[in-house]
């Protein structure tokens, strides 16, 4: 889990300081998100795709992001597309989860953009 979460950890730390998400809290959130993904994702993913989803799901489960309708990740179109290996379509769905407390948030949008690039290209770009 630690090796898989390295890029996700770097990405998360770029957007959230240890004051926002303390290390022990972030580690627990990533572990729980990893368990969620292991349960829900049914197709093989490249490690960078896994890491991008891990970042997204950890934010959702931490209450830091949601879609405008507050649809759970388990019922999201993004997960549906991933599980059908429709990765281009999945990339377009990351930005559905740019809301925090019912409002579109710039920092969350920027993090989704970075996760989309990681998911699509395997590169960290902020």
N, C-alpha and C. Protein backbone atom coordinates (compact mmCIF):
# COMPACT_ATOMS: atom_id res chain seq x y z
N UNK A 1 0.83 -1.20 0.00
CA UNK A 1 0.00 0.00 0.00
C UNK A 1 0.86 1.25 0.00
N UNK A 2 1.93 1.30 0.78
CA UNK A 2 2.76 2.48 0.87
C UNK A 2 3.36 2.84 -0.49
N UNK A 3 3.92 1.88 -1.21
CA UNK A 3 4.53 2.16 -2.51
C UNK A 3 3.46 2.64 -3.48
N UNK A 4 2.30 2.00 -3.47
CA UNK A 4 1.24 2.42 -4.38
C UNK A 4 0.75 3.82 -4.06
N UNK A 5 0.84 4.24 -2.83
CA UNK A 5 0.29 5.53 -2.43
C UNK A 5 1.30 6.67 -2.53
N UNK A 6 2.52 6.40 -2.96
CA UNK A 6 3.53 7.46 -2.99
C UNK A 6 3.12 8.64 -3.86
N UNK A 7 2.71 8.39 -5.09
CA UNK A 7 2.31 9.50 -5.96
C UNK A 7 1.03 10.14 -5.45
N UNK A 8 0.13 9.33 -4.94
CA UNK A 8 -1.10 9.88 -4.37
C UNK A 8 -0.78 10.75 -3.17
N UNK A 9 0.15 10.32 -2.33
CA UNK A 9 0.55 11.12 -1.18
C UNK A 9 1.15 12.44 -1.60
N UNK A 10 2.01 12.42 -2.61
CA UNK A 10 2.62 13.66 -3.11
C UNK A 10 1.55 14.58 -3.68
N UNK A 11 0.64 14.02 -4.42
CA UNK A 11 -0.45 14.81 -5.01
C UNK A 11 -1.32 15.42 -3.92
N UNK A 12 -1.67 14.63 -2.94
CA UNK A 12 -2.52 15.13 -1.85
C UNK A 12 -1.81 16.21 -1.06
N UNK A 13 -0.52 16.01 -0.79
CA UNK A 13 0.25 17.00 -0.02
C UNK A 13 0.40 18.31 -0.78
N UNK A 14 0.35 18.28 -2.10
CA UNK A 14 0.42 19.51 -2.86
C UNK A 14 -0.82 20.37 -2.62
N UNK A 15 -1.95 19.72 -2.41
CA UNK A 15 -3.22 20.43 -2.26
C UNK A 15 -3.68 20.58 -0.81
N UNK A 16 -3.24 19.69 0.05
CA UNK A 16 -3.65 19.72 1.46
C UNK A 16 -2.42 19.62 2.35
N UNK A 17 -2.22 20.60 3.22
CA UNK A 17 -1.08 20.59 4.13
C UNK A 17 -1.32 19.60 5.26
N UNK A 18 -0.28 19.28 6.02
CA UNK A 18 -0.48 18.44 7.20
C UNK A 18 -1.44 19.06 8.22
N UNK A 19 -1.59 20.38 8.21
CA UNK A 19 -2.60 21.00 9.08
C UNK A 19 -4.02 20.66 8.60
N UNK A 20 -4.20 20.58 7.28
CA UNK A 20 -5.51 20.22 6.70
C UNK A 20 -5.82 18.75 6.92
N UNK A 21 -4.81 17.91 6.67
CA UNK A 21 -4.95 16.45 6.77
C UNK A 21 -3.67 15.91 7.40
N UNK A 22 -3.67 15.74 8.72
CA UNK A 22 -2.48 15.21 9.39
C UNK A 22 -2.05 13.86 8.80
N UNK A 23 -0.76 13.59 8.88
CA UNK A 23 -0.19 12.37 8.28
C UNK A 23 -0.92 11.11 8.70
N UNK A 24 -1.18 10.94 9.99
CA UNK A 24 -1.85 9.72 10.45
C UNK A 24 -3.27 9.62 9.91
N UNK A 25 -3.94 10.76 9.81
CA UNK A 25 -5.30 10.77 9.26
C UNK A 25 -5.26 10.44 7.77
N UNK A 26 -4.34 11.07 7.04
CA UNK A 26 -4.21 10.80 5.61
C UNK A 26 -3.89 9.33 5.36
N UNK A 27 -2.99 8.77 6.15
CA UNK A 27 -2.64 7.36 5.99
C UNK A 27 -3.85 6.45 6.19
N UNK A 28 -4.66 6.74 7.20
CA UNK A 28 -5.87 5.95 7.44
C UNK A 28 -6.86 6.12 6.29
N UNK A 29 -7.00 7.35 5.81
CA UNK A 29 -7.93 7.61 4.70
C UNK A 29 -7.49 6.87 3.45
N UNK A 30 -6.18 6.86 3.17
CA UNK A 30 -5.68 6.16 2.00
C UNK A 30 -5.86 4.65 2.14
N UNK A 31 -5.65 4.14 3.32
CA UNK A 31 -5.84 2.70 3.56
C UNK A 31 -7.31 2.31 3.35
N UNK A 32 -8.21 3.10 3.88
CA UNK A 32 -9.64 2.81 3.71
C UNK A 32 -10.04 2.94 2.24
N UNK A 33 -9.53 3.96 1.56
CA UNK A 33 -9.84 4.14 0.14
C UNK A 33 -9.31 2.97 -0.68
N UNK A 34 -8.14 2.46 -0.31
CA UNK A 34 -7.58 1.30 -1.01
C UNK A 34 -8.48 0.08 -0.84
N UNK A 35 -8.99 -0.12 0.35
CA UNK A 35 -9.92 -1.24 0.60
C UNK A 35 -11.19 -1.07 -0.22
N UNK A 36 -11.68 0.16 -0.30
CA UNK A 36 -12.87 0.44 -1.10
C UNK A 36 -12.63 0.11 -2.57
N UNK A 37 -11.48 0.55 -3.09
CA UNK A 37 -11.18 0.27 -4.50
C UNK A 37 -10.99 -1.22 -4.75
N UNK A 38 -10.35 -1.92 -3.84
CA UNK A 38 -10.17 -3.38 -4.01
C UNK A 38 -11.52 -4.07 -4.08
N UNK A 39 -12.49 -3.55 -3.35
CA UNK A 39 -13.82 -4.15 -3.34
C UNK A 39 -14.62 -3.79 -4.59
N UNK A 40 -14.43 -2.58 -5.11
CA UNK A 40 -15.30 -2.09 -6.18
C UNK A 40 -14.75 -2.20 -7.60
N UNK A 41 -13.45 -2.10 -7.76
CA UNK A 41 -12.87 -2.12 -9.11
C UNK A 41 -12.68 -3.57 -9.54
N UNK A 42 -13.23 -3.89 -10.70
CA UNK A 42 -13.25 -5.28 -11.16
C UNK A 42 -12.34 -5.55 -12.35
N UNK A 43 -11.63 -4.53 -12.81
CA UNK A 43 -10.73 -4.71 -13.96
C UNK A 43 -9.30 -4.37 -13.53
N UNK A 44 -8.33 -4.93 -14.24
CA UNK A 44 -6.93 -4.56 -13.92
C UNK A 44 -6.66 -3.10 -14.28
N UNK A 45 -5.91 -2.44 -13.43
CA UNK A 45 -5.52 -1.05 -13.67
C UNK A 45 -4.01 -0.93 -13.62
N UNK A 46 -3.50 0.03 -14.35
CA UNK A 46 -2.08 0.38 -14.21
C UNK A 46 -1.91 1.02 -12.84
N UNK A 47 -0.72 0.96 -12.28
CA UNK A 47 -0.50 1.50 -10.94
C UNK A 47 -0.85 2.98 -10.86
N UNK A 48 -0.56 3.74 -11.90
CA UNK A 48 -0.87 5.17 -11.89
C UNK A 48 -2.38 5.42 -11.93
N UNK A 49 -3.13 4.54 -12.60
CA UNK A 49 -4.58 4.68 -12.60
C UNK A 49 -5.13 4.41 -11.20
N UNK A 50 -4.58 3.37 -10.57
CA UNK A 50 -4.97 3.03 -9.20
C UNK A 50 -4.70 4.22 -8.28
N UNK A 51 -3.53 4.83 -8.42
CA UNK A 51 -3.16 5.94 -7.55
C UNK A 51 -4.09 7.14 -7.74
N UNK A 52 -4.45 7.43 -8.96
CA UNK A 52 -5.37 8.54 -9.23
C UNK A 52 -6.72 8.28 -8.58
N UNK A 53 -7.22 7.06 -8.74
CA UNK A 53 -8.50 6.72 -8.10
C UNK A 53 -8.39 6.73 -6.59
N UNK A 54 -7.25 6.29 -6.08
CA UNK A 54 -7.03 6.28 -4.64
C UNK A 54 -7.11 7.70 -4.08
N UNK A 55 -6.49 8.65 -4.75
CA UNK A 55 -6.57 10.05 -4.32
C UNK A 55 -8.01 10.55 -4.31
N UNK A 56 -8.72 10.27 -5.38
CA UNK A 56 -10.10 10.70 -5.50
C UNK A 56 -10.96 10.09 -4.40
N UNK A 57 -10.89 8.78 -4.26
CA UNK A 57 -11.75 8.09 -3.30
C UNK A 57 -11.42 8.50 -1.87
N UNK A 58 -10.14 8.73 -1.58
CA UNK A 58 -9.80 9.17 -0.22
C UNK A 58 -10.42 10.54 0.08
N UNK A 59 -10.45 11.42 -0.91
CA UNK A 59 -11.10 12.72 -0.72
C UNK A 59 -12.60 12.57 -0.52
N UNK A 60 -13.21 11.71 -1.31
CA UNK A 60 -14.65 11.49 -1.19
C UNK A 60 -14.98 10.94 0.19
N UNK A 61 -14.26 9.90 0.60
CA UNK A 61 -14.54 9.27 1.88
C UNK A 61 -14.22 10.18 3.06
N UNK A 62 -13.29 11.12 2.87
CA UNK A 62 -12.95 12.07 3.94
C UNK A 62 -13.95 13.24 3.99
N UNK A 63 -14.89 13.27 3.06
CA UNK A 63 -15.87 14.35 3.03
C UNK A 63 -15.32 15.63 2.41
N UNK A 64 -14.22 15.52 1.67
CA UNK A 64 -13.60 16.70 1.07
C UNK A 64 -14.05 16.93 -0.36
N UNK A 65 -14.82 16.00 -0.91
CA UNK A 65 -15.29 16.13 -2.29
C UNK A 65 -16.55 15.29 -2.47
N UNK A 66 -17.42 15.80 -3.32
CA UNK A 66 -18.60 15.03 -3.71
C UNK A 66 -19.07 15.53 -5.07
N UNK A 67 -19.98 14.79 -5.68
CA UNK A 67 -20.54 15.26 -6.94
C UNK A 67 -21.74 16.14 -6.61
N UNK A 68 -22.27 16.89 -7.58
CA UNK A 68 -23.34 17.84 -7.27
C UNK A 68 -24.59 17.18 -6.70
N UNK A 69 -24.82 15.92 -7.04
CA UNK A 69 -26.00 15.22 -6.55
C UNK A 69 -25.71 14.36 -5.32
N UNK A 70 -24.46 14.40 -4.86
CA UNK A 70 -24.00 13.60 -3.72
C UNK A 70 -24.22 12.10 -3.95
N UNK A 71 -24.01 11.69 -5.20
CA UNK A 71 -24.07 10.27 -5.54
C UNK A 71 -22.85 9.58 -4.96
N UNK A 72 -23.03 8.48 -4.26
CA UNK A 72 -21.86 7.78 -3.72
C UNK A 72 -20.96 7.26 -4.84
N UNK A 73 -19.68 7.20 -4.57
CA UNK A 73 -18.73 6.70 -5.56
C UNK A 73 -19.15 5.33 -6.08
N UNK A 74 -19.67 4.49 -5.20
CA UNK A 74 -20.08 3.13 -5.57
C UNK A 74 -21.10 3.11 -6.69
N UNK A 75 -21.89 4.19 -6.82
CA UNK A 75 -22.92 4.25 -7.86
C UNK A 75 -22.58 5.28 -8.93
N UNK A 76 -21.33 5.72 -8.96
CA UNK A 76 -20.94 6.78 -9.90
C UNK A 76 -20.74 6.24 -11.32
N UNK A 77 -20.91 7.13 -12.28
CA UNK A 77 -20.65 6.79 -13.67
C UNK A 77 -19.16 6.56 -13.87
N UNK A 78 -18.33 7.25 -13.11
CA UNK A 78 -16.89 7.05 -13.19
C UNK A 78 -16.52 5.60 -12.90
N UNK A 79 -17.03 5.06 -11.82
CA UNK A 79 -16.74 3.66 -11.48
C UNK A 79 -17.31 2.73 -12.54
N UNK A 80 -18.49 3.03 -13.02
CA UNK A 80 -19.11 2.22 -14.08
C UNK A 80 -18.18 2.17 -15.30
N UNK A 81 -17.66 3.35 -15.71
CA UNK A 81 -16.77 3.42 -16.87
C UNK A 81 -15.46 2.67 -16.60
N UNK A 82 -14.88 2.85 -15.44
CA UNK A 82 -13.64 2.15 -15.10
C UNK A 82 -13.84 0.64 -15.20
N UNK A 83 -14.91 0.14 -14.63
CA UNK A 83 -15.15 -1.30 -14.61
C UNK A 83 -15.49 -1.88 -15.98
N UNK A 84 -15.66 -1.03 -16.96
CA UNK A 84 -15.86 -1.47 -18.34
C UNK A 84 -14.64 -1.12 -19.20
N UNK A 85 -13.56 -0.75 -18.53
CA UNK A 85 -12.30 -0.36 -19.19
C UNK A 85 -12.49 0.79 -20.17
N UNK A 86 -13.43 1.64 -19.90
CA UNK A 86 -13.69 2.83 -20.71
C UNK A 86 -12.95 4.00 -20.07
N UNK A 87 -11.63 3.95 -20.16
CA UNK A 87 -10.80 4.86 -19.40
C UNK A 87 -10.88 6.30 -19.88
N UNK A 88 -11.07 6.52 -21.16
CA UNK A 88 -11.23 7.90 -21.66
C UNK A 88 -12.49 8.53 -21.09
N UNK A 89 -13.55 7.76 -21.03
CA UNK A 89 -14.80 8.26 -20.46
C UNK A 89 -14.61 8.49 -18.96
N UNK A 90 -13.92 7.59 -18.29
CA UNK A 90 -13.67 7.75 -16.85
C UNK A 90 -12.92 9.06 -16.58
N UNK A 91 -11.97 9.39 -17.43
CA UNK A 91 -11.21 10.64 -17.25
C UNK A 91 -12.14 11.85 -17.22
N UNK A 92 -13.15 11.82 -18.03
CA UNK A 92 -14.10 12.93 -18.06
C UNK A 92 -14.98 13.01 -16.84
N UNK A 93 -14.99 11.97 -16.05
CA UNK A 93 -15.87 11.93 -14.88
C UNK A 93 -15.21 12.36 -13.58
N UNK A 94 -13.90 12.49 -13.54
CA UNK A 94 -13.23 12.92 -12.31
C UNK A 94 -13.78 14.27 -11.84
N UNK A 95 -14.06 15.16 -12.79
CA UNK A 95 -14.49 16.50 -12.42
C UNK A 95 -15.92 16.56 -11.88
N UNK A 96 -16.63 15.46 -11.90
CA UNK A 96 -17.93 15.43 -11.23
C UNK A 96 -17.77 15.58 -9.72
N UNK A 97 -16.59 15.26 -9.22
CA UNK A 97 -16.34 15.27 -7.78
C UNK A 97 -15.53 16.51 -7.38
N UNK A 98 -15.97 17.68 -7.82
CA UNK A 98 -15.28 18.94 -7.54
C UNK A 98 -16.03 19.80 -6.52
N UNK A 99 -16.97 19.23 -5.86
CA UNK A 99 -17.79 20.00 -4.94
C UNK A 99 -17.42 19.69 -3.49
N UNK A 100 -17.51 20.73 -2.68
CA UNK A 100 -17.26 20.60 -1.25
C UNK A 100 -18.32 21.45 -0.56
N UNK A 101 -19.02 20.83 0.37
CA UNK A 101 -20.10 21.53 1.09
C UNK A 101 -21.11 22.15 0.13
N UNK A 102 -21.41 21.43 -0.95
CA UNK A 102 -22.43 21.87 -1.89
C UNK A 102 -21.99 22.92 -2.90
N UNK A 103 -20.72 23.34 -2.85
CA UNK A 103 -20.24 24.37 -3.77
C UNK A 103 -19.04 23.86 -4.56
N UNK A 104 -18.96 24.33 -5.80
CA UNK A 104 -17.80 24.04 -6.63
C UNK A 104 -16.60 24.74 -6.00
N UNK A 105 -15.52 24.00 -5.76
CA UNK A 105 -14.33 24.55 -5.11
C UNK A 105 -13.13 24.47 -6.05
N UNK A 106 -12.43 25.59 -6.19
CA UNK A 106 -11.29 25.67 -7.11
C UNK A 106 -10.19 24.68 -6.74
N UNK A 107 -9.84 24.58 -5.46
CA UNK A 107 -8.76 23.68 -5.05
C UNK A 107 -9.13 22.23 -5.37
N UNK A 108 -10.37 21.88 -5.15
CA UNK A 108 -10.82 20.51 -5.45
C UNK A 108 -10.80 20.28 -6.95
N UNK A 109 -11.23 21.27 -7.73
CA UNK A 109 -11.21 21.15 -9.19
C UNK A 109 -9.78 20.95 -9.68
N UNK A 110 -8.84 21.71 -9.13
CA UNK A 110 -7.44 21.60 -9.54
C UNK A 110 -6.87 20.22 -9.18
N UNK A 111 -7.27 19.68 -8.04
CA UNK A 111 -6.80 18.35 -7.65
C UNK A 111 -7.38 17.30 -8.60
N UNK A 112 -8.65 17.43 -8.95
CA UNK A 112 -9.26 16.50 -9.91
C UNK A 112 -8.54 16.57 -11.25
N UNK A 113 -8.14 17.77 -11.66
CA UNK A 113 -7.40 17.92 -12.92
C UNK A 113 -6.10 17.14 -12.86
N UNK A 114 -5.36 17.28 -11.76
CA UNK A 114 -4.10 16.56 -11.60
C UNK A 114 -4.34 15.04 -11.56
N UNK A 115 -5.40 14.62 -10.90
CA UNK A 115 -5.72 13.18 -10.84
C UNK A 115 -6.09 12.64 -12.22
N UNK A 116 -6.80 13.44 -12.99
CA UNK A 116 -7.17 13.03 -14.35
C UNK A 116 -5.93 12.82 -15.21
N UNK A 117 -4.97 13.74 -15.11
CA UNK A 117 -3.73 13.60 -15.87
C UNK A 117 -2.96 12.38 -15.41
N UNK A 118 -2.90 12.17 -14.11
CA UNK A 118 -2.24 10.98 -13.58
C UNK A 118 -2.93 9.72 -14.09
N UNK A 119 -4.26 9.68 -14.05
CA UNK A 119 -5.02 8.51 -14.50
C UNK A 119 -4.79 8.24 -15.99
N UNK A 120 -4.79 9.32 -16.78
CA UNK A 120 -4.69 9.18 -18.24
C UNK A 120 -3.25 8.95 -18.71
N UNK A 121 -2.30 9.69 -18.13
CA UNK A 121 -0.94 9.70 -18.68
C UNK A 121 0.11 9.11 -17.77
N UNK A 122 -0.24 8.89 -16.51
CA UNK A 122 0.74 8.35 -15.57
C UNK A 122 1.76 9.36 -15.13
N UNK A 123 1.43 10.66 -15.24
CA UNK A 123 2.37 11.71 -14.84
C UNK A 123 1.71 12.62 -13.81
N UNK A 124 2.52 13.09 -12.88
CA UNK A 124 2.05 14.07 -11.92
C UNK A 124 2.32 15.47 -12.47
N UNK A 125 1.25 16.21 -12.71
CA UNK A 125 1.36 17.59 -13.17
C UNK A 125 0.38 18.41 -12.34
N UNK A 126 0.90 19.42 -11.68
CA UNK A 126 0.03 20.27 -10.86
C UNK A 126 -0.17 21.60 -11.53
